[in-house]
Amino acid sequence: MHLVYPAVLAALLFCVGIYGVLARRNAILVLMSVELMLAAVSLNLVAFDVWLRDEVHTGQVFTLFLIALAAAEIGVGLAIVLLVHRNRATSAVDQLRALADRDEEEPEGAASRETTTT
């Protein structure tokens, strides 16, 4: 088996994943792009394991660990995205950043109104 074919496919998958992380605004699409990058790494691990004819199949073992890591990452990531969407009614990453900056700053008149009413 030629190593070039899976290596080129993995490089293309990884580049598409990087583009998705850098260019997308939706948090779910960013998570999907991270999954594409993990799939590219898994493909490389298995391809090099087959190409090197490893007796212990280390690449396949690492791929199994990577699949478990990806499953945990997507579970936690989707839980966070759903919680943020429920509280903020948006999953756009740039709007979430803007809301975080606005929530940290308290208006100047809010503190003075609390002290005058009591």
Protein backbone atom coordinates (compact mmCIF):
# COMPACT_ATOMS: atom_id res chain seq x y z
CA MET A 1 0.00 0.00 0.00
CA HIS A 2 1.29 3.43 -0.89
CA LEU A 3 1.55 5.84 2.01
CA VAL A 4 0.92 8.87 -0.21
CA TYR A 5 -2.84 8.36 -0.67
CA PRO A 6 -3.90 8.29 2.99
CA ALA A 7 -1.36 10.99 3.88
CA VAL A 8 -2.73 13.37 1.23
CA LEU A 9 -6.31 12.60 2.27
CA ALA A 10 -5.42 13.22 5.92
CA ALA A 11 -3.71 16.50 5.02
CA LEU A 12 -6.79 17.64 3.10
CA LEU A 13 -9.09 16.68 5.98
CA PHE A 14 -6.87 18.51 8.44
CA CYS A 15 -6.78 21.64 6.25
CA VAL A 16 -10.58 21.62 5.94
CA GLY A 17 -10.80 21.27 9.72
CA ILE A 18 -8.45 24.20 10.30
CA TYR A 19 -10.42 26.32 7.86
CA GLY A 20 -13.62 25.41 9.69
CA VAL A 21 -12.18 26.36 13.08
CA LEU A 22 -10.82 29.68 11.85
CA ALA A 23 -13.65 30.78 9.56
CA ARG A 24 -16.85 29.50 11.14
CA ARG A 25 -18.93 31.51 13.56
CA ASN A 26 -21.25 28.75 14.78
CA ALA A 27 -19.96 26.79 17.79
CA ILE A 28 -21.37 23.48 16.55
CA LEU A 29 -19.58 23.85 13.22
CA VAL A 30 -16.36 24.61 15.09
CA LEU A 31 -16.79 21.37 17.05
CA MET A 32 -17.39 19.48 13.81
CA SER A 33 -14.21 20.96 12.37
CA VAL A 34 -12.24 19.80 15.40
CA GLU A 35 -13.67 16.32 14.81
CA LEU A 36 -12.44 16.48 11.20
CA MET A 37 -8.95 17.27 12.43
CA LEU A 38 -9.07 14.35 14.86
CA ALA A 39 -10.21 12.07 12.03
CA ALA A 40 -7.23 13.18 9.95
CA VAL A 41 -4.86 12.35 12.80
CA SER A 42 -6.51 8.95 13.23
CA LEU A 43 -6.14 8.23 9.53
CA ASN A 44 -2.44 9.07 9.69
CA LEU A 45 -1.93 6.87 12.76
CA VAL A 46 -3.53 3.85 11.10
CA ALA A 47 -1.81 4.45 7.75
CA PHE A 48 1.64 4.66 9.33
CA ASP A 49 0.87 1.62 11.47
CA VAL A 50 0.07 -0.41 8.35
CA TRP A 51 3.00 1.01 6.40
CA LEU A 52 5.55 0.26 9.13
CA ARG A 53 4.05 -3.22 9.72
CA ASP A 54 4.13 -2.74 13.47
CA GLU A 55 3.70 -6.00 15.38
CA VAL A 56 2.12 -4.30 18.40
CA HIS A 57 -0.22 -2.12 16.25
CA THR A 58 0.60 0.99 18.26
CA GLY A 59 -1.06 3.31 15.74
CA GLN A 60 -4.34 1.44 16.00
CA VAL A 61 -4.19 1.48 19.80
CA PHE A 62 -3.59 5.25 19.79
CA THR A 63 -6.48 5.61 17.34
CA LEU A 64 -8.80 3.83 19.77
CA PHE A 65 -7.73 6.23 22.53
CA LEU A 66 -8.26 9.13 20.15
CA ILE A 67 -11.78 7.93 19.34
CA ALA A 68 -12.59 7.75 23.06
CA LEU A 69 -11.14 11.24 23.54
CA ALA A 70 -13.19 12.58 20.62
CA ALA A 71 -16.38 11.06 22.03
CA ALA A 72 -15.76 12.68 25.41
CA GLU A 73 -14.87 16.00 23.78
CA ILE A 74 -18.00 16.11 21.66
CA GLY A 75 -20.18 15.17 24.63
CA VAL A 76 -18.80 17.93 26.84
CA GLY A 77 -18.66 20.42 23.97
CA LEU A 78 -22.27 19.87 22.93
CA ALA A 79 -23.41 20.11 26.55
CA ILE A 80 -21.67 23.48 26.87
CA VAL A 81 -23.07 24.73 23.56
CA LEU A 82 -26.62 23.68 24.50
CA LEU A 83 -26.33 25.36 27.91
CA VAL A 84 -25.02 28.58 26.36
CA HIS A 85 -27.71 28.47 23.68
CA ARG A 86 -30.39 28.04 26.33
CA ASN A 87 -29.10 30.99 28.37
CA ARG A 88 -28.06 33.37 25.58
CA ALA A 89 -30.30 32.25 22.66
CA THR A 90 -27.33 32.16 20.27
CA SER A 91 -24.49 29.84 19.41
CA ALA A 92 -22.47 32.31 17.33
CA VAL A 93 -18.97 32.47 18.77
CA ASP A 94 -18.35 36.16 18.06
CA GLN A 95 -21.66 37.21 19.65
CA LEU A 96 -20.85 35.14 22.74
CA ARG A 97 -17.58 37.01 23.12
CA ALA A 98 -19.40 40.34 22.86
CA LEU A 99 -21.97 39.27 25.45
CA ALA A 100 -19.25 38.14 27.84
CA ASP A 101 -17.57 41.54 27.70
CA ARG A 102 -20.87 43.35 28.25
CA ASP A 103 -21.91 41.19 31.22
CA GLU A 104 -18.63 41.72 33.07
CA GLU A 105 -18.98 45.49 33.04
CA GLU A 106 -21.59 46.87 35.40
CA PRO A 107 -23.26 50.16 34.49
CA GLU A 108 -22.15 53.12 36.56
CA GLY A 109 -25.66 54.06 37.73
CA ALA A 110 -26.58 50.55 38.91
CA ALA A 111 -24.41 50.64 42.04
CA SER A 112 -25.61 54.11 43.07
CA ARG A 113 -29.28 53.17 42.62
CA GLU A 114 -28.90 50.18 44.95
CA THR A 115 -27.43 52.29 47.74
CA THR A 116 -30.07 55.03 47.50
CA THR A 117 -33.05 52.68 47.65
CA THR A 118 -32.06 51.05 50.95
